[in-house]
C-alpha atoms as a PDB file:
ATOM      1  CA  MET A   1      28.010  31.692  16.403  1.00  0.00           C
ATOM      2  CA  MET A   2      26.033  34.830  15.437  1.00  0.00           C
ATOM      3  CA  ASP A   3      22.645  35.664  15.067  1.00  0.00           C
ATOM      4  CA  LEU A   4      20.851  36.661  11.770  1.00  0.00           C
ATOM      5  CA  PRO A   5      18.997  39.746  11.247  1.00  0.00           C
ATOM      6  CA  HIS A   6      15.247  39.548  11.985  1.00  0.00           C
ATOM      7  CA  GLU A   7      14.725  40.847   8.452  1.00  0.00           C
ATOM      8  CA  LEU A   8      16.822  37.578   6.853  1.00  0.00           C
ATOM      9  CA  LEU A   9      15.134  35.387   9.572  1.00  0.00           C
ATOM     10  CA  ASP A  10      11.483  36.690   7.889  1.00  0.00           C
ATOM     11  CA  MET A  11      12.792  36.025   4.313  1.00  0.00           C
ATOM     12  CA  ILE A  12      14.019  32.488   5.486  1.00  0.00           C
ATOM     13  CA  GLY A  13      10.511  32.175   6.982  1.00  0.00           C
ATOM     14  CA  ASP A  14       8.552  33.663   4.501  1.00  0.00           C
ATOM     15  CA  THR A  15      10.065  31.900   1.477  1.00  0.00           C
ATOM     16  CA  LYS A  16       8.272  28.339   0.349  1.00  0.00           C
ATOM     17  CA  GLU A  17      11.875  26.820  -0.908  1.00  0.00           C
ATOM     18  CA  VAL A  18      15.254  27.633  -0.976  1.00  0.00           C
ATOM     19  CA  LEU A  19      18.325  25.755  -2.104  1.00  0.00           C
ATOM     20  CA  ILE A  20      20.513  23.985   0.518  1.00  0.00           C
ATOM     21  CA  GLU A  21      23.911  24.350  -1.113  1.00  0.00           C
ATOM     22  CA  THR A  22      26.083  21.423   0.046  1.00  0.00           C
ATOM     23  CA  ARG A  23      29.729  20.536  -0.632  1.00  0.00           C
ATOM     24  CA  GLN A  24      31.153  16.770  -1.056  1.00  0.00           C
ATOM     25  CA  VAL A  25      35.244  16.630  -2.094  1.00  0.00           C
ATOM     26  CA  ASP A  26      35.540  20.125  -4.136  1.00  0.00           C
ATOM     27  CA  THR A  27      31.805  19.984  -5.951  1.00  0.00           C
ATOM     28  CA  SER A  28      28.888  21.831  -4.548  1.00  0.00           C
ATOM     29  CA  PHE A  29      25.374  20.970  -4.946  1.00  0.00           C
ATOM     30  CA  GLN A  30      22.593  22.454  -4.420  1.00  0.00           C
ATOM     31  CA  THR A  31      19.009  21.032  -3.848  1.00  0.00           C
ATOM     32  CA  THR A  32      15.300  22.814  -3.164  1.00  0.00           C
ATOM     33  CA  ILE A  33      13.924  21.927   0.313  1.00  0.00           C
ATOM     34  CA  TRP A  34      11.907  23.557   2.531  1.00  0.00           C
ATOM     35  CA  VAL A  35      13.092  25.367   6.083  1.00  0.00           C
ATOM     36  CA  ALA A  36      11.284  26.107   9.377  1.00  0.00           C
ATOM     37  CA  VAL A  37      11.790  29.022  11.473  1.00  0.00           C
ATOM     38  CA  GLU A  38      10.788  28.336  14.839  1.00  0.00           C
ATOM     39  CA  ASP A  39      11.300  30.557  17.794  1.00  0.00           C
ATOM     40  CA  ASP A  40      14.553  32.294  15.853  1.00  0.00           C
ATOM     41  CA  ARG A  41      15.862  28.767  15.033  1.00  0.00           C
ATOM     42  CA  VAL A  42      16.373  27.679  11.603  1.00  0.00           C
ATOM     43  CA  TYR A  43      15.364  24.293  11.352  1.00  0.00           C
ATOM     44  CA  VAL A  44      15.710  21.622   7.814  1.00  0.00           C
ATOM     45  CA  ARG A  45      14.378  18.362   7.769  1.00  0.00           C
ATOM     46  CA  SER A  46      15.363  15.392   4.667  1.00  0.00           C
ATOM     47  CA  VAL A  47      12.343  14.238   2.820  1.00  0.00           C
ATOM     48  CA  ARG A  48      13.554  11.112   2.349  1.00  0.00           C
ATOM     49  CA  GLY A  49      14.777  10.373   5.324  1.00  0.00           C
ATOM     50  CA  ASP A  50      18.303   9.104   5.884  1.00  0.00           C
ATOM     51  CA  ALA A  51      18.670   8.845   2.012  1.00  0.00           C
ATOM     52  CA  GLY A  52      18.426  12.618   1.132  1.00  0.00           C
ATOM     53  CA  ARG A  53      21.188  13.033  -0.897  1.00  0.00           C
ATOM     54  CA  TRP A  54      21.813  16.483   0.847  1.00  0.00           C
ATOM     55  CA  TYR A  55      21.538  15.300   4.151  1.00  0.00           C
ATOM     56  CA  GLN A  56      24.076  13.148   3.279  1.00  0.00           C
ATOM     57  CA  ARG A  57      26.387  15.692   2.600  1.00  0.00           C
ATOM     58  CA  ALA A  58      25.510  17.441   5.471  1.00  0.00           C
ATOM     59  CA  LYS A  59      26.233  15.291   8.023  1.00  0.00           C
ATOM     60  CA  ALA A  60      29.781  14.821   6.326  1.00  0.00           C
ATOM     61  CA  ASP A  61      30.488  18.558   6.097  1.00  0.00           C
ATOM     62  CA  PRO A  62      28.398  20.388   8.060  1.00  0.00           C
ATOM     63  CA  GLU A  63      29.314  23.633   6.721  1.00  0.00           C
ATOM     64  CA  VAL A  64      26.311  24.618   4.070  1.00  0.00           C
ATOM     65  CA  MET A  65      24.902  27.363   2.422  1.00  0.00           C
ATOM     66  CA  LEU A  66      20.987  28.545   2.555  1.00  0.00           C
ATOM     67  CA  VAL A  67      20.126  30.133  -1.314  1.00  0.00           C
ATOM     68  CA  VAL A  68      17.207  32.498  -0.330  1.00  0.00           C
ATOM     69  CA  GLY A  69      16.521  34.522  -3.536  1.00  0.00           C
ATOM     70  CA  GLU A  70      19.350  36.696  -3.826  1.00  0.00           C
ATOM     71  CA  TYR A  71      20.968  35.893  -0.920  1.00  0.00           C
ATOM     72  CA  ARG A  72      23.830  32.866   0.297  1.00  0.00           C
ATOM     73  CA  ILE A  73      23.345  32.430   4.246  1.00  0.00           C
ATOM     74  CA  PRO A  74      26.433  30.423   5.542  1.00  0.00           C
ATOM     75  CA  PHE A  75      25.601  28.230   8.273  1.00  0.00           C
ATOM     76  CA  ARG A  76      26.649  25.115   9.879  1.00  0.00           C
ATOM     77  CA  ALA A  77      24.347  21.982   9.842  1.00  0.00           C
ATOM     78  CA  GLU A  78      23.721  20.429  13.390  1.00  0.00           C
ATOM     79  CA  PRO A  79      21.303  17.806  13.819  1.00  0.00           C
ATOM     80  CA  ALA A  80      18.555  18.608  16.014  1.00  0.00           C
ATOM     81  CA  ASP A  81      17.559  15.019  17.005  1.00  0.00           C
ATOM     82  CA  ASP A  82      16.317  15.688  20.274  1.00  0.00           C
ATOM     83  CA  LYS A  83      12.449  16.120  21.229  1.00  0.00           C
ATOM     84  CA  THR A  84      12.289  19.893  21.320  1.00  0.00           C
ATOM     85  CA  SER A  85      14.232  20.611  18.165  1.00  0.00           C
ATOM     86  CA  ILE A  86      12.000  17.693  16.570  1.00  0.00           C
ATOM     87  CA  GLU A  87       8.680  19.567  17.658  1.00  0.00           C
ATOM     88  CA  GLY A  88       9.998  23.104  17.194  1.00  0.00           C
ATOM     89  CA  ALA A  89      10.735  22.195  13.341  1.00  0.00           C
ATOM     90  CA  THR A  90       7.576  20.528  13.140  1.00  0.00           C
ATOM     91  CA  ARG A  91       5.388  22.903  14.633  1.00  0.00           C
ATOM     92  CA  GLY A  92       7.136  25.404  11.896  1.00  0.00           C
ATOM     93  CA  LEU A  93       6.492  23.257   9.168  1.00  0.00           C
ATOM     94  CA  ARG A  94       3.024  22.986  10.295  1.00  0.00           C
ATOM     95  CA  ARG A  95       2.438  26.477  10.260  1.00  0.00           C
ATOM     96  CA  LYS A  96       4.599  27.498   6.953  1.00  0.00           C
ATOM     97  CA  TYR A  97       3.152  24.674   4.173  1.00  0.00           C
ATOM     98  CA  PRO A  98       0.030  23.506   3.854  1.00  0.00           C
ATOM     99  CA  LYS A  99      -2.276  20.071   4.835  1.00  0.00           C
ATOM    100  CA  GLY A 100      -1.522  17.676   2.544  1.00  0.00           C
ATOM    101  CA  GLY A 101       0.615  15.109   1.179  1.00  0.00           C
ATOM    102  CA  SER A 102       3.768  16.515   0.731  1.00  0.00           C
ATOM    103  CA  LEU A 103       3.506  18.356   4.559  1.00  0.00           C
ATOM    104  CA  ASP A 104       2.891  15.016   5.645  1.00  0.00           C
ATOM    105  CA  SER A 105       6.067  13.267   4.097  1.00  0.00           C
ATOM    106  CA  MET A 106       7.896  15.664   6.213  1.00  0.00           C
ATOM    107  CA  LEU A 107       6.098  14.619   9.206  1.00  0.00           C
ATOM    108  CA  ARG A 108       6.682  10.864   8.589  1.00  0.00           C
ATOM    109  CA  PRO A 109       8.421   8.935  12.012  1.00  0.00           C
ATOM    110  CA  GLU A 110      10.904   7.682  10.131  1.00  0.00           C
ATOM    111  CA  VAL A 111      12.217  10.915   8.803  1.00  0.00           C
ATOM    112  CA  LEU A 112      12.058  12.710  11.759  1.00  0.00           C
ATOM    113  CA  HIS A 113      15.449  12.029  12.965  1.00  0.00           C
ATOM    114  CA  THR A 114      16.481  14.143  10.267  1.00  0.00           C
ATOM    115  CA  THR A 115      16.075  17.104  11.670  1.00  0.00           C
ATOM    116  CA  MET A 116      18.778  19.368  11.632  1.00  0.00           C
ATOM    117  CA  ARG A 117      19.197  23.372  13.321  1.00  0.00           C
ATOM    118  CA  LEU A 118      21.390  25.957  10.982  1.00  0.00           C
ATOM    119  CA  ILE A 119      23.498  27.994  12.784  1.00  0.00           C
ATOM    120  CA  PRO A 120      24.559  30.498  11.193  1.00  0.00           C
ATOM    121  CA  ARG A 121      28.045  31.441  11.260  1.00  0.00           C
ATOM    122  CA  SER A 122      29.677  34.635   9.722  1.00  0.00           C
END
């Protein structure tokens, strides 16, 4: 595991939407998602809960890539469905995104368990 430089963490934290690249067999897929940074940790959550395709692929093959602007940053997606991680991700989402229906969709009780922490890899 490695730490991300603060410049990259700040960029991830400031970018409203990023692409997550997941794989299935030999095919890569890019999906636009929201991402939150809280306490130097990078969190993502599936707005579609278990039905989210990117989430299903990340669970099956946790080696993912975030595409932020011109940067491609490799991560390992780990389940973060414990109370502390869920609360941290929720705080990060609330701070970053405006109040409204889209944010509310990310905070529904039935999607909280799909919170994942992205661990930087080299």
